Amino acid sequence: MNMSIRPTFKVGIIIGSQRVVRAGPQITDFVLDTIKTHHATADGPDIAFDVIDIAALNLPLFDEPGVPQKITSPEGYAHEHTRQWSRRVAALDAFVFVSPQYNWGIPAGLKNAIDYLFNEWKGKPAMVVTYGGHGGDKCAAQLKTVLGGGIDMRVAETAVNLSFPGREFLVKAATGKPLGLSASDDASPWADQRGKIVGVWEDMVKMLA
């Protein structure tokens, strides 16, 4: 008897914040836990996750002599830090970008990491999650333009914009204190956003088929 084997896809979950004191890892964990909780009971391909912390990459300001669009293998880069980054991104099938909004835009470290590469990103599905006092919608719009237009990724049409629910939450986020986020507690902050995260995730997963 023939048994169909479900494919396994590798998805990168990118922490876009590089601040020394930051809420990015907590918020990324919330997004990832929400996705995992849903995916555990959903039909679809098997997914393996790779959490990528932009801060931990420690990439210098873009320093490659070549044009990334013209480079088709890790060996084509001049620097080992770029070759390592290239291999990691090339091994993944899709990406979830979780980013704060800085001064109405994309954090410099995240944009720098994106700009190091081109062909490793090209054609792959992506979804965008932003957060901030007003949800980071301007950063989300810029990311969609960069990812979808600049490096030819297939970006989910809808972005998830997580607005800080009040000043107390904002202060906790700015000082790196626990935010009380949960993928299962309906009384926790952003419980009402879990459905949107799942919906956009499902839109992206369809692109993997």
N, C-alpha and C. Protein backbone atom coordinates (compact mmCIF):
# COMPACT_ATOMS: atom_id res chain seq x y z
N MET A 1 0.85 -1.19 0.00
CA MET A 1 0.00 0.00 0.00
C MET A 1 0.89 1.24 0.00
N ASN A 2 0.61 2.16 -0.92
CA ASN A 2 1.37 3.40 -0.98
C ASN A 2 0.84 4.39 0.04
N MET A 3 1.75 4.97 0.77
CA MET A 3 1.37 5.99 1.75
C MET A 3 2.02 7.30 1.36
N SER A 4 1.22 8.35 1.27
CA SER A 4 1.77 9.65 0.90
C SER A 4 2.56 10.23 2.07
N ILE A 5 3.67 10.84 1.74
CA ILE A 5 4.52 11.47 2.75
C ILE A 5 4.37 12.98 2.64
N ARG A 6 3.99 13.59 3.75
CA ARG A 6 3.84 15.04 3.73
C ARG A 6 5.21 15.70 3.67
N PRO A 7 5.35 16.73 2.85
CA PRO A 7 6.64 17.42 2.79
C PRO A 7 6.90 18.20 4.07
N THR A 8 8.16 18.39 4.38
CA THR A 8 8.55 19.24 5.51
C THR A 8 9.19 20.50 4.96
N PHE A 9 8.65 21.63 5.37
CA PHE A 9 9.21 22.92 4.96
C PHE A 9 9.89 23.58 6.16
N LYS A 10 10.93 24.33 5.87
CA LYS A 10 11.67 25.05 6.90
C LYS A 10 11.33 26.53 6.82
N VAL A 11 10.87 27.07 7.94
CA VAL A 11 10.44 28.48 7.98
C VAL A 11 11.30 29.25 8.96
N GLY A 12 11.86 30.35 8.50
CA GLY A 12 12.64 31.22 9.37
C GLY A 12 11.75 32.24 10.06
N ILE A 13 11.90 32.38 11.36
CA ILE A 13 11.16 33.37 12.14
C ILE A 13 12.17 34.44 12.54
N ILE A 14 12.06 35.62 11.97
CA ILE A 14 13.10 36.63 12.11
C ILE A 14 12.74 37.67 13.17
N ILE A 15 13.61 37.79 14.19
CA ILE A 15 13.48 38.84 15.20
C ILE A 15 14.17 40.08 14.65
N GLY A 16 13.39 41.10 14.33
CA GLY A 16 13.94 42.27 13.63
C GLY A 16 14.55 43.33 14.51
N SER A 17 14.40 43.24 15.83
CA SER A 17 14.91 44.26 16.74
C SER A 17 16.34 43.95 17.17
N GLN A 18 17.16 45.00 17.27
CA GLN A 18 18.53 44.84 17.75
C GLN A 18 18.81 45.63 19.02
N ARG A 19 17.80 46.26 19.59
CA ARG A 19 18.03 47.03 20.81
C ARG A 19 18.57 46.12 21.91
N VAL A 20 19.46 46.69 22.74
CA VAL A 20 20.04 45.91 23.84
C VAL A 20 18.96 45.53 24.84
N VAL A 21 18.07 46.46 25.16
CA VAL A 21 16.87 46.18 25.97
C VAL A 21 15.70 46.20 25.00
N ARG A 22 15.02 45.09 24.85
CA ARG A 22 14.02 45.00 23.78
C ARG A 22 12.90 44.03 24.13
N ALA A 23 11.81 44.20 23.42
CA ALA A 23 10.66 43.31 23.56
C ALA A 23 10.58 42.31 22.42
N GLY A 24 11.44 42.47 21.42
CA GLY A 24 11.36 41.65 20.21
C GLY A 24 11.32 40.16 20.44
N PRO A 25 12.21 39.58 21.26
CA PRO A 25 12.15 38.13 21.46
C PRO A 25 10.84 37.66 22.09
N GLN A 26 10.30 38.43 23.05
CA GLN A 26 9.01 38.05 23.66
C GLN A 26 7.90 38.05 22.62
N ILE A 27 7.88 39.09 21.81
CA ILE A 27 6.81 39.23 20.81
C ILE A 27 6.95 38.16 19.73
N THR A 28 8.18 37.88 19.34
CA THR A 28 8.42 36.83 18.36
C THR A 28 8.00 35.47 18.91
N ASP A 29 8.30 35.21 20.19
CA ASP A 29 7.87 33.96 20.82
C ASP A 29 6.35 33.84 20.81
N PHE A 30 5.66 34.95 21.07
CA PHE A 30 4.20 34.95 21.05
C PHE A 30 3.67 34.60 19.66
N VAL A 31 4.25 35.22 18.64
CA VAL A 31 3.84 34.93 17.26
C VAL A 31 4.11 33.47 16.92
N LEU A 32 5.30 32.99 17.26
CA LEU A 32 5.66 31.61 16.95
C LEU A 32 4.80 30.62 17.73
N ASP A 33 4.57 30.88 19.01
CA ASP A 33 3.72 29.98 19.81
C ASP A 33 2.30 29.93 19.26
N THR A 34 1.80 31.08 18.81
CA THR A 34 0.46 31.13 18.21
C THR A 34 0.41 30.28 16.95
N ILE A 35 1.43 30.40 16.13
CA ILE A 35 1.49 29.61 14.90
C ILE A 35 1.61 28.12 15.22
N LYS A 36 2.47 27.76 16.15
CA LYS A 36 2.67 26.35 16.51
C LYS A 36 1.40 25.74 17.09
N THR A 37 0.71 26.49 17.95
CA THR A 37 -0.53 25.99 18.56
C THR A 37 -1.56 25.68 17.49
N HIS A 38 -1.68 26.58 16.53
CA HIS A 38 -2.61 26.36 15.42
C HIS A 38 -2.16 25.20 14.55
N HIS A 39 -0.89 25.21 14.20
CA HIS A 39 -0.39 24.23 13.23
C HIS A 39 -0.44 22.81 13.76
N ALA A 40 -0.40 22.66 15.07
CA ALA A 40 -0.43 21.32 15.68
C ALA A 40 -1.73 20.58 15.36
N THR A 41 -2.80 21.32 15.10
CA THR A 41 -4.09 20.68 14.84
C THR A 41 -4.61 20.94 13.43
N ALA A 42 -3.79 21.58 12.61
CA ALA A 42 -4.24 21.93 11.26
C ALA A 42 -3.70 20.95 10.23
N ASP A 43 -4.45 20.77 9.15
CA ASP A 43 -3.95 19.99 8.03
C ASP A 43 -2.90 20.83 7.30
N GLY A 44 -1.98 20.16 6.66
CA GLY A 44 -0.97 20.90 5.92
C GLY A 44 0.39 20.25 6.04
N PRO A 45 1.38 20.87 5.44
CA PRO A 45 2.72 20.29 5.46
C PRO A 45 3.34 20.34 6.84
N ASP A 46 4.31 19.49 7.06
CA ASP A 46 5.09 19.57 8.29
C ASP A 46 6.01 20.79 8.20
N ILE A 47 6.18 21.46 9.33
CA ILE A 47 6.98 22.69 9.36
C ILE A 47 8.06 22.56 10.42
N ALA A 48 9.28 22.91 10.05
CA ALA A 48 10.38 23.05 11.01
C ALA A 48 10.73 24.54 11.08
N PHE A 49 10.93 25.04 12.29
CA PHE A 49 11.16 26.47 12.48
C PHE A 49 12.61 26.77 12.85
N ASP A 50 13.11 27.87 12.32
CA ASP A 50 14.44 28.37 12.66
C ASP A 50 14.30 29.82 13.10
N VAL A 51 14.50 30.09 14.39
CA VAL A 51 14.39 31.46 14.90
C VAL A 51 15.71 32.18 14.64
N ILE A 52 15.63 33.27 13.91
CA ILE A 52 16.81 34.04 13.51
C ILE A 52 16.78 35.39 14.22
N ASP A 53 17.74 35.60 15.09
CA ASP A 53 17.84 36.86 15.83
C ASP A 53 18.84 37.76 15.10
N ILE A 54 18.35 38.83 14.49
CA ILE A 54 19.22 39.73 13.73
C ILE A 54 20.36 40.25 14.61
N ALA A 55 20.07 40.51 15.88
CA ALA A 55 21.11 41.01 16.78
C ALA A 55 22.24 40.00 16.94
N ALA A 56 21.90 38.72 17.01
CA ALA A 56 22.91 37.68 17.22
C ALA A 56 23.76 37.43 15.98
N LEU A 57 23.26 37.81 14.81
CA LEU A 57 24.05 37.63 13.59
C LEU A 57 25.30 38.50 13.61
N ASN A 58 25.17 39.67 14.22
CA ASN A 58 26.31 40.60 14.34
C ASN A 58 26.91 40.94 12.98
N LEU A 59 26.06 41.16 12.00
CA LEU A 59 26.54 41.53 10.67
C LEU A 59 27.02 42.98 10.68
N PRO A 60 28.18 43.26 10.09
CA PRO A 60 28.59 44.66 9.95
C PRO A 60 27.74 45.36 8.90
N LEU A 61 27.85 46.68 8.83
CA LEU A 61 27.18 47.40 7.75
C LEU A 61 27.66 46.80 6.43
N PHE A 62 26.72 46.60 5.52
CA PHE A 62 27.00 45.87 4.27
C PHE A 62 28.38 46.19 3.71
N ASP A 63 29.20 45.16 3.56
CA ASP A 63 30.60 45.38 3.16
C ASP A 63 31.06 44.46 2.04
N GLU A 64 30.11 43.92 1.27
CA GLU A 64 30.48 43.06 0.15
C GLU A 64 30.82 43.91 -1.08
N PRO A 65 31.88 43.55 -1.81
CA PRO A 65 32.22 44.30 -3.02
C PRO A 65 31.30 43.99 -4.21
N GLY A 66 30.68 42.82 -4.19
CA GLY A 66 29.84 42.42 -5.30
C GLY A 66 28.38 42.81 -5.11
N VAL A 67 27.62 42.73 -6.19
CA VAL A 67 26.18 43.00 -6.17
C VAL A 67 25.45 41.70 -5.85
N PRO A 68 24.70 41.63 -4.74
CA PRO A 68 24.07 40.36 -4.35
C PRO A 68 23.22 39.72 -5.44
N GLN A 69 22.56 40.51 -6.25
CA GLN A 69 21.71 39.96 -7.30
C GLN A 69 22.51 39.12 -8.31
N LYS A 70 23.79 39.39 -8.42
CA LYS A 70 24.64 38.67 -9.38
C LYS A 70 25.34 37.46 -8.77
N ILE A 71 25.13 37.24 -7.47
CA ILE A 71 25.82 36.16 -6.78
C ILE A 71 24.85 35.00 -6.54
N THR A 72 25.22 33.82 -6.99
CA THR A 72 24.28 32.70 -6.96
C THR A 72 24.69 31.56 -6.03
N SER A 73 25.79 31.71 -5.30
CA SER A 73 26.19 30.69 -4.33
C SER A 73 26.94 31.36 -3.19
N PRO A 74 26.96 30.74 -2.01
CA PRO A 74 27.68 31.34 -0.88
C PRO A 74 29.15 31.62 -1.18
N GLU A 75 29.75 30.78 -2.03
CA GLU A 75 31.17 30.94 -2.34
C GLU A 75 31.44 32.21 -3.14
N GLY A 76 30.40 32.82 -3.67
CA GLY A 76 30.58 34.03 -4.45
C GLY A 76 30.78 35.28 -3.61
N TYR A 77 30.59 35.16 -2.30
CA TYR A 77 30.76 36.33 -1.42
C TYR A 77 32.19 36.42 -0.92
N ALA A 78 32.61 37.63 -0.61
CA ALA A 78 33.99 37.87 -0.20
C ALA A 78 34.23 37.55 1.27
N HIS A 79 33.18 37.65 2.11
CA HIS A 79 33.37 37.55 3.55
C HIS A 79 32.66 36.33 4.13
N GLU A 80 33.28 35.73 5.14
CA GLU A 80 32.71 34.53 5.75
C GLU A 80 31.39 34.83 6.44
N HIS A 81 31.23 36.01 7.06
CA HIS A 81 29.95 36.31 7.71
C HIS A 81 28.81 36.33 6.69
N THR A 82 29.10 36.77 5.47
CA THR A 82 28.07 36.76 4.43
C THR A 82 27.80 35.34 3.96
N ARG A 83 28.85 34.56 3.81
CA ARG A 83 28.66 33.17 3.37
C ARG A 83 27.81 32.38 4.37
N GLN A 84 28.05 32.60 5.66
CA GLN A 84 27.26 31.91 6.68
C GLN A 84 25.79 32.36 6.63
N TRP A 85 25.58 33.64 6.47
CA TRP A 85 24.22 34.18 6.38
C TRP A 85 23.53 33.65 5.12
N SER A 86 24.25 33.61 4.03
CA SER A 86 23.70 33.10 2.78
C SER A 86 23.24 31.65 2.92
N ARG A 87 24.08 30.82 3.53
CA ARG A 87 23.72 29.40 3.69
C ARG A 87 22.48 29.24 4.56
N ARG A 88 22.39 30.03 5.59
CA ARG A 88 21.25 29.90 6.51
C ARG A 88 19.95 30.28 5.82
N VAL A 89 19.95 31.38 5.09
CA VAL A 89 18.74 31.82 4.40
C VAL A 89 18.40 30.88 3.25
N ALA A 90 19.40 30.44 2.52
CA ALA A 90 19.16 29.55 1.38
C ALA A 90 18.52 28.24 1.81
N ALA A 91 18.78 27.80 3.03
CA ALA A 91 18.25 26.52 3.52
C ALA A 91 16.78 26.59 3.92
N LEU A 92 16.21 27.79 3.94
CA LEU A 92 14.84 27.98 4.40
C LEU A 92 13.89 28.19 3.23
N ASP A 93 12.62 27.81 3.46
CA ASP A 93 11.63 27.86 2.39
C ASP A 93 10.71 29.07 2.47
N ALA A 94 10.57 29.66 3.64
CA ALA A 94 9.67 30.80 3.83
C ALA A 94 10.09 31.53 5.10
N PHE A 95 9.52 32.73 5.30
CA PHE A 95 9.97 33.57 6.41
C PHE A 95 8.81 34.34 7.04
N VAL A 96 8.89 34.48 8.36
CA VAL A 96 8.00 35.37 9.10
C VAL A 96 8.87 36.48 9.68
N PHE A 97 8.64 37.70 9.23
CA PHE A 97 9.41 38.85 9.70
C PHE A 97 8.63 39.51 10.84
N VAL A 98 9.24 39.56 12.03
CA VAL A 98 8.61 40.19 13.19
C VAL A 98 9.45 41.41 13.55
N SER A 99 8.88 42.60 13.36
CA SER A 99 9.72 43.80 13.46
C SER A 99 9.03 44.94 14.19
N PRO A 100 9.81 45.70 14.97
CA PRO A 100 9.31 46.97 15.49
C PRO A 100 9.34 48.02 14.39
N GLN A 101 8.74 49.15 14.66
CA GLN A 101 8.82 50.30 13.76
C GLN A 101 9.69 51.37 14.41
N TYR A 102 10.73 51.81 13.71
CA TYR A 102 11.60 52.87 14.21
C TYR A 102 11.43 54.12 13.36
N ASN A 103 10.96 55.19 13.97
CA ASN A 103 10.83 56.47 13.25
C ASN A 103 10.11 56.30 11.91
N TRP A 104 9.00 55.57 11.97
CA TRP A 104 8.14 55.33 10.81
C TRP A 104 8.79 54.41 9.76
N GLY A 105 9.77 53.62 10.15
CA GLY A 105 10.43 52.80 9.15
C GLY A 105 10.96 51.48 9.67
N ILE A 106 11.72 50.81 8.79
CA ILE A 106 12.33 49.51 9.08
C ILE A 106 13.58 49.72 9.93
N PRO A 107 13.78 48.95 10.98
CA PRO A 107 15.03 49.04 11.74
C PRO A 107 16.24 48.82 10.83
N ALA A 108 17.28 49.63 11.05
CA ALA A 108 18.45 49.59 10.15
C ALA A 108 19.09 48.22 10.10
N GLY A 109 19.19 47.54 11.25
CA GLY A 109 19.84 46.23 11.27
C GLY A 109 19.10 45.20 10.45
N LEU A 110 17.77 45.24 10.49
CA LEU A 110 16.97 44.31 9.70
C LEU A 110 17.14 44.60 8.21
N LYS A 111 17.06 45.87 7.84
CA LYS A 111 17.22 46.23 6.42
C LYS A 111 18.61 45.84 5.93
N ASN A 112 19.62 46.03 6.76
CA ASN A 112 20.99 45.66 6.40
C ASN A 112 21.10 44.15 6.15
N ALA A 113 20.49 43.36 7.03
CA ALA A 113 20.54 41.90 6.88
C ALA A 113 19.83 41.45 5.60
N ILE A 114 18.72 42.09 5.29
CA ILE A 114 18.00 41.78 4.06
C ILE A 114 18.87 42.10 2.85
N ASP A 115 19.51 43.28 2.87
CA ASP A 115 20.25 43.77 1.71
C ASP A 115 21.52 42.99 1.41
N TYR A 116 22.01 42.23 2.36
CA TYR A 116 23.21 41.41 2.12
C TYR A 116 22.99 40.39 1.01
N LEU A 117 21.74 39.94 0.85
CA LEU A 117 21.44 38.83 -0.05
C LEU A 117 20.37 39.22 -1.06
N PHE A 118 20.22 38.40 -2.08
CA PHE A 118 19.13 38.59 -3.03
C PHE A 118 18.55 37.24 -3.46
N ASN A 119 19.36 36.44 -4.13
CA ASN A 119 18.84 35.17 -4.67
C ASN A 119 18.40 34.19 -3.60
N GLU A 120 18.97 34.32 -2.40
CA GLU A 120 18.57 33.45 -1.29
C GLU A 120 17.14 33.75 -0.83
N TRP A 121 16.69 34.99 -1.04
CA TRP A 121 15.32 35.39 -0.68
C TRP A 121 14.33 35.18 -1.84
N LYS A 122 14.81 35.37 -3.04
CA LYS A 122 13.95 35.49 -4.22
C LYS A 122 12.97 34.33 -4.37
N GLY A 123 11.71 34.69 -4.59
CA GLY A 123 10.67 33.72 -4.87
C GLY A 123 10.07 33.02 -3.68
N LYS A 124 10.62 33.26 -2.49
CA LYS A 124 10.14 32.54 -1.31
C LYS A 124 8.99 33.30 -0.64
N PRO A 125 8.04 32.56 -0.06
CA PRO A 125 6.92 33.21 0.64
C PRO A 125 7.37 33.91 1.92
N ALA A 126 6.64 34.95 2.28
CA ALA A 126 6.94 35.69 3.51
C ALA A 126 5.65 36.29 4.07
N MET A 127 5.65 36.48 5.39
CA MET A 127 4.58 37.25 6.03
C MET A 127 5.24 38.27 6.95
N VAL A 128 4.53 39.36 7.19
CA VAL A 128 5.07 40.47 7.96
C VAL A 128 4.22 40.70 9.20
N VAL A 129 4.89 40.76 10.36
CA VAL A 129 4.26 41.13 11.63
C VAL A 129 5.04 42.30 12.19
N THR A 130 4.35 43.41 12.45
CA THR A 130 5.02 44.56 13.05
C THR A 130 4.32 44.94 14.35
N TYR A 131 5.03 45.70 15.18
CA TYR A 131 4.47 46.11 16.46
C TYR A 131 4.97 47.49 16.84
N GLY A 132 4.19 48.15 17.71
CA GLY A 132 4.55 49.48 18.17
C GLY A 132 3.34 50.19 18.74
N GLY A 133 3.53 51.46 19.08
CA GLY A 133 2.44 52.23 19.66
C GLY A 133 1.20 52.26 18.78
N HIS A 134 1.41 52.29 17.47
CA HIS A 134 0.29 52.28 16.52
C HIS A 134 0.34 51.04 15.62
N GLY A 135 1.05 50.03 16.04
CA GLY A 135 1.06 48.78 15.30
C GLY A 135 2.16 48.64 14.26
N GLY A 136 2.90 49.71 14.01
CA GLY A 136 4.00 49.62 13.04
C GLY A 136 3.56 49.51 11.60
N ASP A 137 2.41 50.10 11.26
CA ASP A 137 1.89 49.92 9.91
C ASP A 137 2.78 50.52 8.82
N LYS A 138 3.50 51.59 9.14
CA LYS A 138 4.38 52.19 8.13
C LYS A 138 5.58 51.30 7.87
N CYS A 139 6.11 50.69 8.91
CA CYS A 139 7.19 49.72 8.74
C CYS A 139 6.70 48.52 7.93
N ALA A 140 5.49 48.06 8.22
CA ALA A 140 4.93 46.92 7.49
C ALA A 140 4.81 47.22 6.00
N ALA A 141 4.34 48.43 5.68
CA ALA A 141 4.20 48.81 4.27
C ALA A 141 5.56 48.84 3.58
N GLN A 142 6.56 49.37 4.28
CA GLN A 142 7.90 49.42 3.70
C GLN A 142 8.49 48.02 3.52
N LEU A 143 8.30 47.17 4.52
CA LEU A 143 8.80 45.80 4.40
C LEU A 143 8.15 45.07 3.23
N LYS A 144 6.86 45.25 3.05
CA LYS A 144 6.18 44.60 1.94
C LYS A 144 6.73 45.09 0.60
N THR A 145 7.06 46.38 0.52
CA THR A 145 7.64 46.93 -0.70
C THR A 145 9.03 46.36 -0.95
N VAL A 146 9.85 46.33 0.09
CA VAL A 146 11.22 45.82 -0.04
C VAL A 146 11.22 44.33 -0.37
N LEU A 147 10.44 43.56 0.38
CA LEU A 147 10.43 42.11 0.19
C LEU A 147 9.78 41.72 -1.13
N GLY A 148 8.62 42.29 -1.40
CA GLY A 148 7.87 41.91 -2.59
C GLY A 148 8.38 42.54 -3.87
N GLY A 149 8.79 43.81 -3.78
CA GLY A 149 9.25 44.51 -4.97
C GLY A 149 10.75 44.47 -5.14
N GLY A 150 11.48 44.68 -4.03
CA GLY A 150 12.93 44.78 -4.12
C GLY A 150 13.64 43.46 -4.33
N ILE A 151 13.22 42.43 -3.59
CA ILE A 151 13.93 41.14 -3.67
C ILE A 151 13.02 40.00 -4.14
N ASP A 152 11.89 40.36 -4.71
CA ASP A 152 11.02 39.40 -5.42
C ASP A 152 10.54 38.23 -4.58
N MET A 153 10.25 38.49 -3.29
CA MET A 153 9.61 37.46 -2.48
C MET A 153 8.11 37.48 -2.74
N ARG A 154 7.44 36.42 -2.35
CA ARG A 154 5.98 36.35 -2.46
C ARG A 154 5.40 36.65 -1.07
N VAL A 155 4.93 37.86 -0.89
CA VAL A 155 4.55 38.35 0.43
C VAL A 155 3.04 38.25 0.62
N ALA A 156 2.63 37.69 1.76
CA ALA A 156 1.20 37.64 2.08
C ALA A 156 0.61 39.05 2.01
N GLU A 157 -0.54 39.17 1.40
CA GLU A 157 -1.12 40.50 1.15
C GLU A 157 -1.38 41.26 2.44
N THR A 158 -1.86 40.58 3.46
CA THR A 158 -2.19 41.23 4.72
C THR A 158 -1.02 41.13 5.69
N ALA A 159 -0.73 42.25 6.35
CA ALA A 159 0.28 42.25 7.42
C ALA A 159 -0.44 42.26 8.76
N VAL A 160 0.24 41.77 9.78
CA VAL A 160 -0.29 41.81 11.15
C VAL A 160 0.36 42.99 11.87
N ASN A 161 -0.46 43.91 12.36
CA ASN A 161 0.03 45.10 13.07
C ASN A 161 -0.41 45.03 14.52
N LEU A 162 0.54 44.80 15.42
CA LEU A 162 0.24 44.65 16.85
C LEU A 162 0.45 45.98 17.56
N SER A 163 -0.65 46.62 17.93
CA SER A 163 -0.59 47.92 18.61
C SER A 163 -0.46 47.72 20.12
N PHE A 164 0.44 48.44 20.75
CA PHE A 164 0.56 48.38 22.20
C PHE A 164 -0.76 48.83 22.82
N PRO A 165 -1.33 48.04 23.73
CA PRO A 165 -2.67 48.33 24.26
C PRO A 165 -2.75 49.48 25.25
N GLY A 166 -1.64 50.03 25.66
CA GLY A 166 -1.69 51.14 26.62
C GLY A 166 -0.29 51.55 27.03
N ARG A 167 -0.21 52.64 27.80
CA ARG A 167 1.10 53.16 28.19
C ARG A 167 1.86 52.19 29.08
N GLU A 168 1.17 51.52 29.99
CA GLU A 168 1.86 50.57 30.87
C GLU A 168 2.55 49.48 30.06
N PHE A 169 1.86 48.99 29.04
CA PHE A 169 2.43 47.97 28.17
C PHE A 169 3.63 48.53 27.41
N LEU A 170 3.50 49.77 26.93
CA LEU A 170 4.58 50.42 26.19
C LEU A 170 5.84 50.53 27.05
N VAL A 171 5.66 50.94 28.31
CA VAL A 171 6.81 51.08 29.22
C VAL A 171 7.47 49.72 29.45
N LYS A 172 6.66 48.69 29.64
CA LYS A 172 7.22 47.35 29.82
C LYS A 172 8.01 46.91 28.59
N ALA A 173 7.45 47.19 27.42
CA ALA A 173 8.13 46.81 26.18
C ALA A 173 9.46 47.55 26.03
N ALA A 174 9.45 48.84 26.35
CA ALA A 174 10.65 49.66 26.19
C ALA A 174 11.75 49.29 27.17
N THR A 175 11.36 48.71 28.30
CA THR A 175 12.34 48.36 29.33
C THR A 175 12.62 46.86 29.41
N GLY A 176 12.05 46.11 28.49
CA GLY A 176 12.33 44.67 28.42
C GLY A 176 11.67 43.84 29.48
N LYS A 177 10.64 44.37 30.13
CA LYS A 177 9.95 43.62 31.19
C LYS A 177 8.96 42.63 30.58
N PRO A 178 8.57 41.58 31.34
CA PRO A 178 7.60 40.61 30.82
C PRO A 178 6.29 41.27 30.41
N LEU A 179 5.79 40.88 29.25
CA LEU A 179 4.59 41.49 28.69
C LEU A 179 3.34 40.67 28.95
N GLY A 180 3.49 39.45 29.46
CA GLY A 180 2.33 38.61 29.74
C GLY A 180 1.64 38.07 28.51
N LEU A 181 2.38 37.91 27.43
CA LEU A 181 1.79 37.40 26.19
C LEU A 181 1.58 35.90 26.28
N SER A 182 0.53 35.42 25.62
CA SER A 182 0.21 33.99 25.67
C SER A 182 -0.51 33.57 24.40
N ALA A 183 -0.18 32.38 23.94
CA ALA A 183 -0.85 31.83 22.76
C ALA A 183 -2.13 31.10 23.11
N SER A 184 -2.46 31.02 24.42
CA SER A 184 -3.65 30.26 24.83
C SER A 184 -4.56 31.00 25.80
N ASP A 185 -4.05 31.98 26.52
CA ASP A 185 -4.84 32.70 27.52
C ASP A 185 -5.63 33.82 26.85
N ASP A 186 -6.95 33.69 26.87
CA ASP A 186 -7.80 34.67 26.19
C ASP A 186 -7.86 36.01 26.91
N ALA A 187 -7.32 36.08 28.13
CA ALA A 187 -7.30 37.34 28.86
C ALA A 187 -5.97 38.08 28.70
N SER A 188 -5.05 37.51 27.95
CA SER A 188 -3.72 38.10 27.80
C SER A 188 -3.71 39.15 26.68
N PRO A 189 -2.72 40.04 26.70
CA PRO A 189 -2.62 41.04 25.63
C PRO A 189 -2.53 40.39 24.25
N TRP A 190 -3.20 41.00 23.30
CA TRP A 190 -3.21 40.57 21.90
C TRP A 190 -3.88 39.22 21.67
N ALA A 191 -4.67 38.78 22.65
CA ALA A 191 -5.42 37.54 22.43
C ALA A 191 -6.33 37.67 21.21
N ASP A 192 -6.83 38.90 20.99
CA ASP A 192 -7.72 39.13 19.86
C ASP A 192 -6.99 39.17 18.52
N GLN A 193 -5.66 39.16 18.55
CA GLN A 193 -4.88 39.20 17.31
C GLN A 193 -4.41 37.81 16.87
N ARG A 194 -4.62 36.83 17.72
CA ARG A 194 -4.13 35.49 17.38
C ARG A 194 -4.80 34.95 16.11
N GLY A 195 -6.08 35.24 15.96
CA GLY A 195 -6.79 34.78 14.77
C GLY A 195 -6.22 35.39 13.50
N LYS A 196 -5.84 36.66 13.58
CA LYS A 196 -5.27 37.31 12.39
C LYS A 196 -3.90 36.73 12.07
N ILE A 197 -3.09 36.49 13.11
CA ILE A 197 -1.78 35.88 12.89
C ILE A 197 -1.95 34.54 12.18
N VAL A 198 -2.88 33.73 12.66
CA VAL A 198 -3.13 32.42 12.07
C VAL A 198 -3.62 32.56 10.63
N GLY A 199 -4.51 33.51 10.39
CA GLY A 199 -5.05 33.70 9.05
C GLY A 199 -3.98 34.07 8.04
N VAL A 200 -3.10 35.00 8.41
CA VAL A 200 -2.03 35.40 7.51
C VAL A 200 -1.03 34.26 7.34
N TRP A 201 -0.76 33.55 8.42
CA TRP A 201 0.11 32.37 8.34
C TRP A 201 -0.44 31.37 7.33
N GLU A 202 -1.73 31.08 7.40
CA GLU A 202 -2.33 30.13 6.46
C GLU A 202 -2.23 30.63 5.02
N ASP A 203 -2.39 31.94 4.82
CA ASP A 203 -2.21 32.49 3.47
C ASP A 203 -0.80 32.23 2.96
N MET A 204 0.18 32.38 3.86
CA MET A 204 1.56 32.15 3.44
C MET A 204 1.83 30.67 3.19
N VAL A 205 1.31 29.80 4.05
CA VAL A 205 1.54 28.36 3.90
C VAL A 205 1.00 27.86 2.56
N LYS A 206 -0.11 28.44 2.10
CA LYS A 206 -0.66 28.04 0.81
C LYS A 206 0.34 28.26 -0.32
N MET A 207 1.21 29.25 -0.16
CA MET A 207 2.22 29.52 -1.18
C MET A 207 3.31 28.45 -1.22
N LEU A 208 3.40 27.66 -0.16
CA LEU A 208 4.41 26.60 -0.10
C LEU A 208 3.99 25.35 -0.87
N ALA A 209 2.71 25.23 -1.13
CA ALA A 209 2.20 24.02 -1.78
C ALA A 209 2.77 23.86 -3.19
